[in-house]
C-alpha atoms as a PDB file:
ATOM      1  CA  GLN A   1      11.213  15.790  13.231  1.00  0.00           C
ATOM      2  CA  VAL A   2       7.907  14.167  11.575  1.00  0.00           C
ATOM      3  CA  GLN A   3       5.000  13.151  13.705  1.00  0.00           C
ATOM      4  CA  LEU A   4       3.156  10.312  12.357  1.00  0.00           C
ATOM      5  CA  VAL A   5      -0.454   9.233  13.283  1.00  0.00           C
ATOM      6  CA  GLU A   6      -2.296   6.506  11.606  1.00  0.00           C
ATOM      7  CA  SER A   7      -6.159   5.755  11.643  1.00  0.00           C
ATOM      8  CA  GLY A   8      -8.627   3.711   9.743  1.00  0.00           C
ATOM      9  CA  GLY A   9      -7.921   0.367  11.427  1.00  0.00           C
ATOM     10  CA  GLY A  10     -10.675  -1.902  12.568  1.00  0.00           C
ATOM     11  CA  LEU A  11     -12.576  -5.366  12.321  1.00  0.00           C
ATOM     12  CA  VAL A  12     -13.587  -6.332   8.537  1.00  0.00           C
ATOM     13  CA  GLN A  13     -14.848  -9.711   7.098  1.00  0.00           C
ATOM     14  CA  ALA A  14     -12.837 -11.231   4.522  1.00  0.00           C
ATOM     15  CA  GLY A  15     -13.366  -9.844   1.032  1.00  0.00           C
ATOM     16  CA  GLY A  16     -13.966  -6.633   2.618  1.00  0.00           C
ATOM     17  CA  SER A  17     -12.066  -3.339   2.352  1.00  0.00           C
ATOM     18  CA  LEU A  18     -10.509  -0.791   4.736  1.00  0.00           C
ATOM     19  CA  ARG A  19      -9.010   2.632   4.364  1.00  0.00           C
ATOM     20  CA  LEU A  20      -6.021   3.637   6.525  1.00  0.00           C
ATOM     21  CA  SER A  21      -4.745   7.085   6.553  1.00  0.00           C
ATOM     22  CA  CYS A  22      -1.552   8.623   8.034  1.00  0.00           C
ATOM     23  CA  ALA A  23      -1.436  12.174   8.955  1.00  0.00           C
ATOM     24  CA  ALA A  24       1.917  13.837   9.311  1.00  0.00           C
ATOM     25  CA  SER A  25       3.082  16.829  11.138  1.00  0.00           C
ATOM     26  CA  GLY A  26       6.322  18.728  11.811  1.00  0.00           C
ATOM     27  CA  ARG A  27       8.964  18.863   8.965  1.00  0.00           C
ATOM     28  CA  THR A  28       7.854  19.032   5.065  1.00  0.00           C
ATOM     29  CA  PHE A  29       5.824  16.184   4.357  1.00  0.00           C
ATOM     30  CA  SER A  30       6.166  16.628   0.705  1.00  0.00           C
ATOM     31  CA  SER A  31       9.788  15.983   0.803  1.00  0.00           C
ATOM     32  CA  TYR A  32       9.491  12.289   2.351  1.00  0.00           C
ATOM     33  CA  ALA A  33       8.797   9.115   0.776  1.00  0.00           C
ATOM     34  CA  MET A  34       5.845   7.402   2.775  1.00  0.00           C
ATOM     35  CA  GLY A  35       5.940   3.537   3.191  1.00  0.00           C
ATOM     36  CA  TRP A  36       3.257   1.175   4.988  1.00  0.00           C
ATOM     37  CA  PHE A  37       4.510  -1.541   6.975  1.00  0.00           C
ATOM     38  CA  ARG A  38       2.829  -4.440   9.144  1.00  0.00           C
ATOM     39  CA  GLN A  39       3.337  -6.983  11.956  1.00  0.00           C
ATOM     40  CA  ALA A  40       1.354  -9.819  12.579  1.00  0.00           C
ATOM     41  CA  PRO A  41       1.905 -11.408  16.311  1.00  0.00           C
ATOM     42  CA  GLY A  42       4.937 -13.561  16.436  1.00  0.00           C
ATOM     43  CA  LYS A  43       6.419 -12.433  12.937  1.00  0.00           C
ATOM     44  CA  GLU A  44       8.586  -9.789  12.150  1.00  0.00           C
ATOM     45  CA  ARG A  45       7.752  -6.250  10.507  1.00  0.00           C
ATOM     46  CA  GLU A  46       7.032  -6.654   6.749  1.00  0.00           C
ATOM     47  CA  PHE A  47       6.833  -4.095   3.814  1.00  0.00           C
ATOM     48  CA  VAL A  48       3.683  -3.438   2.358  1.00  0.00           C
ATOM     49  CA  ALA A  49       3.882  -0.318   0.228  1.00  0.00           C
ATOM     50  CA  THR A  50       5.948   2.610  -0.450  1.00  0.00           C
ATOM     51  CA  ILE A  51       5.373   5.965  -2.591  1.00  0.00           C
ATOM     52  CA  SER A  52       7.678   8.509  -3.566  1.00  0.00           C
ATOM     53  CA  TRP A  53       7.484  12.176  -2.353  1.00  0.00           C
ATOM     54  CA  SER A  54       5.530  13.291  -5.534  1.00  0.00           C
ATOM     55  CA  GLY A  55       3.440   9.850  -5.653  1.00  0.00           C
ATOM     56  CA  GLY A  56       4.725   9.230  -9.174  1.00  0.00           C
ATOM     57  CA  THR A  57       6.610   5.938  -7.940  1.00  0.00           C
ATOM     58  CA  THR A  58       4.849   3.228  -5.986  1.00  0.00           C
ATOM     59  CA  TYR A  59       6.086  -0.483  -5.131  1.00  0.00           C
ATOM     60  CA  TYR A  60       4.140  -3.064  -3.389  1.00  0.00           C
ATOM     61  CA  ALA A  61       4.647  -6.294  -1.491  1.00  0.00           C
ATOM     62  CA  ASP A  62       3.792  -8.985  -3.610  1.00  0.00           C
ATOM     63  CA  SER A  63       1.396 -10.239  -1.291  1.00  0.00           C
ATOM     64  CA  VAL A  64      -0.624  -7.244  -1.686  1.00  0.00           C
ATOM     65  CA  LYS A  65      -0.314  -6.372  -5.289  1.00  0.00           C
ATOM     66  CA  GLY A  66      -3.509  -5.776  -7.166  1.00  0.00           C
ATOM     67  CA  ARG A  67      -5.659  -5.695  -3.860  1.00  0.00           C
ATOM     68  CA  PHE A  68      -3.976  -2.461  -1.897  1.00  0.00           C
ATOM     69  CA  ASN A  69      -3.419   1.128  -3.212  1.00  0.00           C
ATOM     70  CA  ILE A  70      -0.921   3.494  -1.840  1.00  0.00           C
ATOM     71  CA  SER A  71      -1.731   7.215  -2.442  1.00  0.00           C
ATOM     72  CA  ARG A  72      -0.853  10.481  -0.779  1.00  0.00           C
ATOM     73  CA  ASP A  73      -2.586  14.138  -0.795  1.00  0.00           C
ATOM     74  CA  ASN A  74       0.567  16.475   0.094  1.00  0.00           C
ATOM     75  CA  ALA A  75      -1.865  19.209   0.576  1.00  0.00           C
ATOM     76  CA  LYS A  76      -3.251  17.665   3.604  1.00  0.00           C
ATOM     77  CA  ASN A  77      -0.343  16.003   4.704  1.00  0.00           C
ATOM     78  CA  THR A  78      -1.852  12.693   4.496  1.00  0.00           C
ATOM     79  CA  VAL A  79      -0.697   9.166   3.158  1.00  0.00           C
ATOM     80  CA  TYR A  80      -3.546   6.714   2.487  1.00  0.00           C
ATOM     81  CA  LEU A  81      -3.509   2.725   2.167  1.00  0.00           C
ATOM     82  CA  GLN A  82      -6.640   1.479   0.449  1.00  0.00           C
ATOM     83  CA  MET A  83      -7.280  -2.207   1.332  1.00  0.00           C
ATOM     84  CA  ASN A  84      -9.384  -4.398  -0.665  1.00  0.00           C
ATOM     85  CA  SER A  85     -10.335  -7.982  -1.177  1.00  0.00           C
ATOM     86  CA  LEU A  86      -8.877  -8.505   2.624  1.00  0.00           C
ATOM     87  CA  LYS A  87      -7.612 -11.572   3.661  1.00  0.00           C
ATOM     88  CA  PRO A  88      -7.346 -13.302   7.320  1.00  0.00           C
ATOM     89  CA  GLU A  89      -3.685 -13.030   6.556  1.00  0.00           C
ATOM     90  CA  ASP A  90      -3.764  -9.277   6.331  1.00  0.00           C
ATOM     91  CA  THR A  91      -4.379  -9.083  10.029  1.00  0.00           C
ATOM     92  CA  ALA A  92      -1.662  -7.087  11.590  1.00  0.00           C
ATOM     93  CA  VAL A  93      -0.758  -3.901  13.178  1.00  0.00           C
ATOM     94  CA  TYR A  94      -0.076  -1.569  10.067  1.00  0.00           C
ATOM     95  CA  TYR A  95       2.451   1.161  10.477  1.00  0.00           C
ATOM     96  CA  CYS A  96       3.135   4.368   8.517  1.00  0.00           C
ATOM     97  CA  ALA A  97       6.852   5.372   7.821  1.00  0.00           C
ATOM     98  CA  ALA A  98       8.686   8.413   6.258  1.00  0.00           C
ATOM     99  CA  SER A  99      11.896   8.148   4.539  1.00  0.00           C
ATOM    100  CA  PRO A 100      14.166  10.230   2.258  1.00  0.00           C
ATOM    101  CA  SER A 101      13.868   7.879  -0.424  1.00  0.00           C
ATOM    102  CA  VAL A 102      11.312   4.844  -1.337  1.00  0.00           C
ATOM    103  CA  TRP A 103      12.670   1.876   0.210  1.00  0.00           C
ATOM    104  CA  GLN A 104      11.482  -1.766   1.013  1.00  0.00           C
ATOM    105  CA  LEU A 105      13.688  -1.997   4.246  1.00  0.00           C
ATOM    106  CA  ALA A 106      12.160  -0.641   7.497  1.00  0.00           C
ATOM    107  CA  GLN A 107      15.659   0.269   8.629  1.00  0.00           C
ATOM    108  CA  GLU A 108      15.841   2.813   5.884  1.00  0.00           C
ATOM    109  CA  TYR A 109      12.954   4.697   7.574  1.00  0.00           C
ATOM    110  CA  ASP A 110      13.467   7.667  10.044  1.00  0.00           C
ATOM    111  CA  TYR A 111      10.240   8.132  11.421  1.00  0.00           C
ATOM    112  CA  TRP A 112       7.190   6.078  12.577  1.00  0.00           C
ATOM    113  CA  GLY A 113       3.866   5.887  13.394  1.00  0.00           C
ATOM    114  CA  GLN A 114       2.211   4.349  16.695  1.00  0.00           C
ATOM    115  CA  GLY A 115       0.394   1.496  14.526  1.00  0.00           C
ATOM    116  CA  THR A 116      -3.345   0.913  13.771  1.00  0.00           C
ATOM    117  CA  GLN A 117      -4.798  -2.816  13.992  1.00  0.00           C
ATOM    118  CA  VAL A 118      -6.721  -4.327  11.256  1.00  0.00           C
ATOM    119  CA  THR A 119      -8.284  -7.505  12.010  1.00  0.00           C
ATOM    120  CA  VAL A 120      -9.721  -9.688   9.165  1.00  0.00           C
ATOM    121  CA  SER A 121     -12.309 -12.393   9.799  1.00  0.00           C
ATOM    122  CA  SER A 122     -12.764 -15.481   7.915  1.00  0.00           C
END
């Protein structure tokens, strides 16, 4: 079992930055790939970014490529999502999730956090 807790969400103006954190506890964090997903009101949950257990492989959704950066610190059992040049369309609840491998499909992730709200004002 892996417990995940996100933090770092908030309200920011368009063009601003936020860094989300996801702290993990339970089974060995470093053995899991980690992903970030988001869900806006009335929309399905969508993939944002994922990182392999070593940090050596990352994938991003086209909508965030070049603006967001996913990283992890296995010594701290934490994964991060640095979000720059934020746009109003980035507004959503952001979730972190753990999976045995790097996937872009939500159903491949076994453990989920409770989510953190990100609101970008225009």
